[in-house]
Amino acid sequence: MTSKEDMLEVLNNRRLIYWFFSRVCEREIKDDFLKQLVSMDNPLLKMSFSLDLGDEEIREGLEDMKKYIEEALKRDLKEVELELAVDYANIFLGVKHAREKKGAPHPSESVYKTGLLMQEPYDEVLQAYWDAGVDVVKDFKEPADHVAIELQFMSYLCRKASESLQKGDKESLIKFLKAQKDFLEKHILQWIPRLAKDILESADTDFYKGFGKVLGRYVQYDKEIVDMLLEDAATL
């Protein structure tokens, strides 16, 4: 049986990991986020221990990302920002797919499952958000089944589970852990590993190549973590 403190640490680490994944997918890396990545407050450094799961692909991906950031310290940050923005556009805005018919057409669940925007998966994830008491942020112009929103939702569920555990609310803890398991199985794992493969294959920078490796492997591994957390929660 895992202690309450260990469970809290796992939940908070997962919250940070999913937040980071979401932020990388949401928009270009620039300004404050780029400065954070090249500073001592680099979230990659904080995540490295949490992601050291003995998986070679995750380890390689993290090393690729960290190596890119270390090299960026020796360069003009504006140049780095432009390089990453071009790669982001190629990967997440469909530029490379439109030009070369390779890479991600659009990073949303509906497109990966049906080839079209805002189909049945879109309605399903909206219902999952509503069931958890979440409204999609209106400022983000992409559909609700965009990869960044789905990953942010997982971060939110981790936070709610952590809060429930801290309050000693076993019923709510199990509810939010089951919501994570359900969302992983029905949505995240149904398409994000394929997106991660497209990211890896279409990226030009080591940062995004590494990100593709880490994202694809982590979401598969996380299913096991959630199952273990549910087992531990039942014995509290």
Protein backbone atom coordinates (compact mmCIF):
# COMPACT_ATOMS: atom_id res chain seq x y z
CA MET A 1 0.00 0.00 0.00
CA THR A 2 1.29 3.47 -0.95
CA SER A 3 1.20 6.14 1.76
CA LYS A 4 -0.98 9.22 1.47
CA GLU A 5 2.14 11.37 1.11
CA ASP A 6 3.44 9.20 -1.74
CA MET A 7 0.07 9.35 -3.48
CA LEU A 8 0.06 13.15 -3.20
CA GLU A 9 3.53 13.33 -4.69
CA VAL A 10 2.53 11.12 -7.62
CA LEU A 11 -0.63 13.13 -8.29
CA ASN A 12 1.19 16.46 -8.14
CA ASN A 13 3.98 15.19 -10.40
CA ARG A 14 1.41 13.99 -12.92
CA ARG A 15 -0.38 17.34 -12.74
CA LEU A 16 2.86 19.14 -13.62
CA ILE A 17 3.71 16.70 -16.40
CA TYR A 18 0.33 17.03 -18.09
CA TRP A 19 0.42 20.81 -17.68
CA PHE A 20 3.81 20.90 -19.41
CA PHE A 21 2.62 18.63 -22.22
CA SER A 22 -0.44 20.83 -22.72
CA ARG A 23 1.58 24.05 -22.80
CA VAL A 24 3.99 22.71 -25.41
CA CYS A 25 1.07 21.70 -27.65
CA GLU A 26 -1.00 24.83 -27.07
CA ARG A 27 1.16 27.49 -28.72
CA GLU A 28 4.67 28.48 -29.75
CA ILE A 29 7.45 28.49 -27.18
CA LYS A 30 8.46 32.10 -26.68
CA ASP A 31 8.72 35.00 -24.27
CA ASP A 32 8.36 34.01 -20.62
CA PHE A 33 8.04 30.26 -21.28
CA LEU A 34 11.25 30.18 -23.32
CA LYS A 35 13.05 32.17 -20.63
CA GLN A 36 11.73 29.72 -18.04
CA LEU A 37 13.04 26.78 -20.07
CA VAL A 38 16.55 28.24 -20.18
CA SER A 39 16.55 29.22 -16.48
CA MET A 40 17.09 27.32 -13.24
CA ASP A 41 13.29 27.18 -12.97
CA ASN A 42 13.16 24.94 -16.05
CA PRO A 43 10.14 22.61 -15.66
CA LEU A 44 12.07 19.98 -17.61
CA LEU A 45 14.54 19.73 -14.73
CA LYS A 46 11.68 19.33 -12.25
CA MET A 47 10.05 16.69 -14.44
CA SER A 48 13.15 14.61 -15.10
CA PHE A 49 13.03 12.76 -11.78
CA SER A 50 9.28 12.19 -12.04
CA LEU A 51 9.66 10.86 -15.57
CA ASP A 52 12.63 8.61 -14.80
CA LEU A 53 10.52 5.50 -15.10
CA GLY A 54 13.19 3.19 -16.46
CA ASP A 55 11.83 3.62 -19.98
CA GLU A 56 14.56 4.15 -22.57
CA GLU A 57 12.39 6.13 -24.99
CA ILE A 58 11.28 8.57 -22.27
CA ARG A 59 14.89 8.95 -21.13
CA GLU A 60 16.09 9.60 -24.69
CA GLY A 61 13.32 12.11 -25.30
CA LEU A 62 14.10 14.05 -22.14
CA GLU A 63 17.79 14.12 -23.05
CA ASP A 64 16.97 15.42 -26.54
CA MET A 65 14.87 18.24 -25.08
CA LYS A 66 17.36 19.16 -22.37
CA LYS A 67 20.27 19.10 -24.82
CA TYR A 68 18.42 21.47 -27.14
CA ILE A 69 17.72 23.88 -24.27
CA GLU A 70 21.35 23.72 -23.11
CA GLU A 71 22.51 24.61 -26.62
CA ALA A 72 19.93 27.41 -26.76
CA LEU A 73 21.73 29.09 -23.86
CA LYS A 74 24.67 29.70 -26.21
CA ARG A 75 22.51 31.32 -28.90
CA ASP A 76 20.42 34.43 -29.42
CA LEU A 77 17.05 33.62 -27.82
CA LYS A 78 15.20 35.44 -30.61
CA GLU A 79 16.80 33.07 -33.10
CA VAL A 80 15.83 30.09 -30.95
CA GLU A 81 12.29 31.44 -30.60
CA LEU A 82 11.93 31.72 -34.39
CA GLU A 83 13.34 28.23 -34.97
CA LEU A 84 10.89 26.72 -32.49
CA ALA A 85 7.98 28.75 -33.89
CA VAL A 86 8.64 27.40 -37.39
CA ASP A 87 8.77 23.85 -36.07
CA TYR A 88 5.58 24.38 -34.05
CA ALA A 89 3.77 25.64 -37.15
CA ASN A 90 4.97 22.65 -39.17
CA ILE A 91 3.77 20.22 -36.52
CA PHE A 92 0.71 21.69 -34.83
CA LEU A 93 -0.68 24.10 -37.43
CA GLY A 94 -0.54 21.59 -40.28
CA VAL A 95 2.02 23.50 -42.37
CA LYS A 96 4.18 20.47 -43.14
CA HIS A 97 1.13 18.29 -43.76
CA ALA A 98 -0.24 20.81 -46.26
CA ARG A 99 3.12 21.17 -47.98
CA GLU A 100 4.46 17.61 -47.91
CA LYS A 101 1.45 15.46 -46.93
CA LYS A 102 3.29 14.23 -43.84
CA GLY A 103 2.99 14.90 -40.14
CA ALA A 104 -0.14 15.85 -38.22
CA PRO A 105 -3.09 17.16 -40.31
CA HIS A 106 -4.68 18.75 -37.23
CA PRO A 107 -3.88 17.79 -33.62
CA SER A 108 -7.43 16.92 -32.59
CA GLU A 109 -9.06 13.62 -31.71
CA SER A 110 -11.81 13.96 -34.31
CA VAL A 111 -9.33 14.38 -37.16
CA TYR A 112 -7.24 11.42 -36.03
CA LYS A 113 -10.28 9.19 -35.65
CA THR A 114 -12.49 10.35 -38.52
CA GLY A 115 -10.45 12.63 -40.77
CA LEU A 116 -12.80 15.53 -40.06
CA LEU A 117 -13.00 18.30 -37.46
CA MET A 118 -15.53 18.34 -34.60
CA GLN A 119 -17.09 14.93 -35.05
CA GLU A 120 -18.35 12.46 -32.43
CA PRO A 121 -15.11 12.51 -30.35
CA TYR A 122 -15.58 16.27 -29.98
CA ASP A 123 -19.04 15.76 -28.45
CA GLU A 124 -17.74 12.98 -26.20
CA VAL A 125 -14.89 15.02 -24.71
CA LEU A 126 -17.18 18.00 -24.17
CA GLN A 127 -19.47 15.73 -22.16
CA ALA A 128 -16.48 14.47 -20.15
CA TYR A 129 -15.49 18.07 -19.37
CA TRP A 130 -19.01 19.00 -18.32
CA ASP A 131 -19.33 15.88 -16.15
CA ALA A 132 -16.18 17.02 -14.30
CA GLY A 133 -17.47 20.58 -13.94
CA VAL A 134 -15.16 22.11 -16.55
CA ASP A 135 -15.93 24.72 -19.19
CA VAL A 136 -13.57 25.00 -22.16
CA VAL A 137 -11.60 28.25 -22.12
CA LYS A 138 -13.17 30.52 -24.72
CA ASP A 139 -9.90 32.34 -25.47
CA PHE A 140 -8.43 29.16 -26.98
CA LYS A 141 -9.77 29.02 -30.51
CA GLU A 142 -9.17 25.33 -31.18
CA PRO A 143 -11.91 22.67 -30.77
CA ALA A 144 -12.46 20.97 -27.42
CA ASP A 145 -10.78 17.74 -28.56
CA HIS A 146 -7.51 19.53 -29.42
CA VAL A 147 -4.53 17.77 -27.86
CA ALA A 148 -3.67 20.76 -25.64
CA ILE A 149 -7.15 20.83 -24.09
CA GLU A 150 -7.32 17.08 -23.52
CA LEU A 151 -3.91 17.13 -21.80
CA GLN A 152 -4.90 20.16 -19.71
CA PHE A 153 -8.02 18.27 -18.65
CA MET A 154 -5.85 15.43 -17.37
CA SER A 155 -3.81 17.96 -15.38
CA TYR A 156 -7.05 19.35 -13.93
CA LEU A 157 -8.25 15.88 -12.91
CA CYS A 158 -4.91 15.23 -11.19
CA ARG A 159 -5.29 18.48 -9.24
CA LYS A 160 -8.85 17.63 -8.19
CA ALA A 161 -7.78 14.16 -7.07
CA SER A 162 -4.93 15.68 -5.06
CA GLU A 163 -7.28 18.17 -3.38
CA SER A 164 -9.71 15.36 -2.53
CA LEU A 165 -6.92 13.29 -1.00
CA GLN A 166 -5.73 16.23 1.10
CA LYS A 167 -9.27 16.74 2.40
CA GLY A 168 -9.65 13.06 3.22
CA ASP A 169 -12.55 12.79 0.76
CA LYS A 170 -12.14 9.20 -0.41
CA GLU A 171 -15.30 9.22 -2.53
CA SER A 172 -14.21 12.26 -4.54
CA LEU A 173 -10.66 10.93 -4.85
CA ILE A 174 -11.89 7.70 -6.40
CA LYS A 175 -14.31 9.65 -8.61
CA PHE A 176 -11.51 11.78 -10.10
CA LEU A 177 -9.15 8.83 -10.46
CA LYS A 178 -11.85 6.88 -12.31
CA ALA A 179 -12.41 9.93 -14.52
CA GLN A 180 -8.70 9.89 -15.37
CA LYS A 181 -8.76 6.18 -16.17
CA ASP A 182 -11.86 6.59 -18.31
CA PHE A 183 -10.49 9.58 -20.23
CA LEU A 184 -7.17 7.85 -20.83
CA GLU A 185 -8.78 4.69 -22.15
CA LYS A 186 -11.52 6.28 -24.26
CA HIS A 187 -9.65 9.30 -25.56
CA ILE A 188 -5.95 9.93 -24.80
CA LEU A 189 -4.72 6.42 -25.63
CA GLN A 190 -6.93 6.15 -28.70
CA TRP A 191 -5.02 8.76 -30.68
CA ILE A 192 -2.27 10.69 -28.87
CA PRO A 193 0.38 7.95 -29.34
CA ARG A 194 -0.21 8.30 -33.11
CA LEU A 195 0.05 12.08 -32.86
CA ALA A 196 3.28 11.69 -30.88
CA LYS A 197 4.69 9.51 -33.66
CA ASP A 198 3.77 12.18 -36.21
CA ILE A 199 5.45 14.84 -34.04
CA LEU A 200 8.64 12.77 -33.88
CA GLU A 201 8.67 12.11 -37.62
CA SER A 202 7.89 15.66 -38.75
CA ALA A 203 9.88 17.72 -36.21
CA ASP A 204 13.09 19.42 -37.30
CA THR A 205 14.36 20.43 -33.85
CA ASP A 206 15.57 18.03 -31.19
CA PHE A 207 13.25 19.76 -28.73
CA TYR A 208 10.08 18.64 -30.52
CA LYS A 209 11.59 15.29 -31.55
CA GLY A 210 12.27 14.61 -27.88
CA PHE A 211 8.82 15.83 -26.94
CA GLY A 212 7.24 13.36 -29.36
CA LYS A 213 9.15 10.49 -27.74
CA VAL A 214 8.23 11.50 -24.19
CA LEU A 215 4.57 12.25 -24.89
CA GLY A 216 3.89 9.00 -26.75
CA ARG A 217 5.45 6.75 -24.14
CA TYR A 218 4.27 8.60 -21.05
CA VAL A 219 0.54 8.50 -21.80
CA GLN A 220 0.81 4.73 -22.25
CA TYR A 221 2.72 4.31 -19.00
CA ASP A 222 0.33 6.58 -17.12
CA LYS A 223 -2.50 4.07 -17.48
CA GLU A 224 -0.57 1.74 -15.16
CA ILE A 225 -0.01 4.57 -12.68
CA VAL A 226 -3.72 5.38 -12.52
CA ASP A 227 -4.59 1.72 -11.98
CA MET A 228 -2.15 1.57 -9.05
CA LEU A 229 -3.53 4.80 -7.58
CA LEU A 230 -7.07 3.40 -7.75
CA GLU A 231 -5.97 0.26 -5.92
CA ASP A 232 -4.30 2.34 -3.21
CA ALA A 233 -7.28 4.70 -2.91
CA ALA A 234 -9.60 1.78 -2.26
CA THR A 235 -7.58 0.80 0.82
CA LEU A 236 -7.49 4.26 2.44
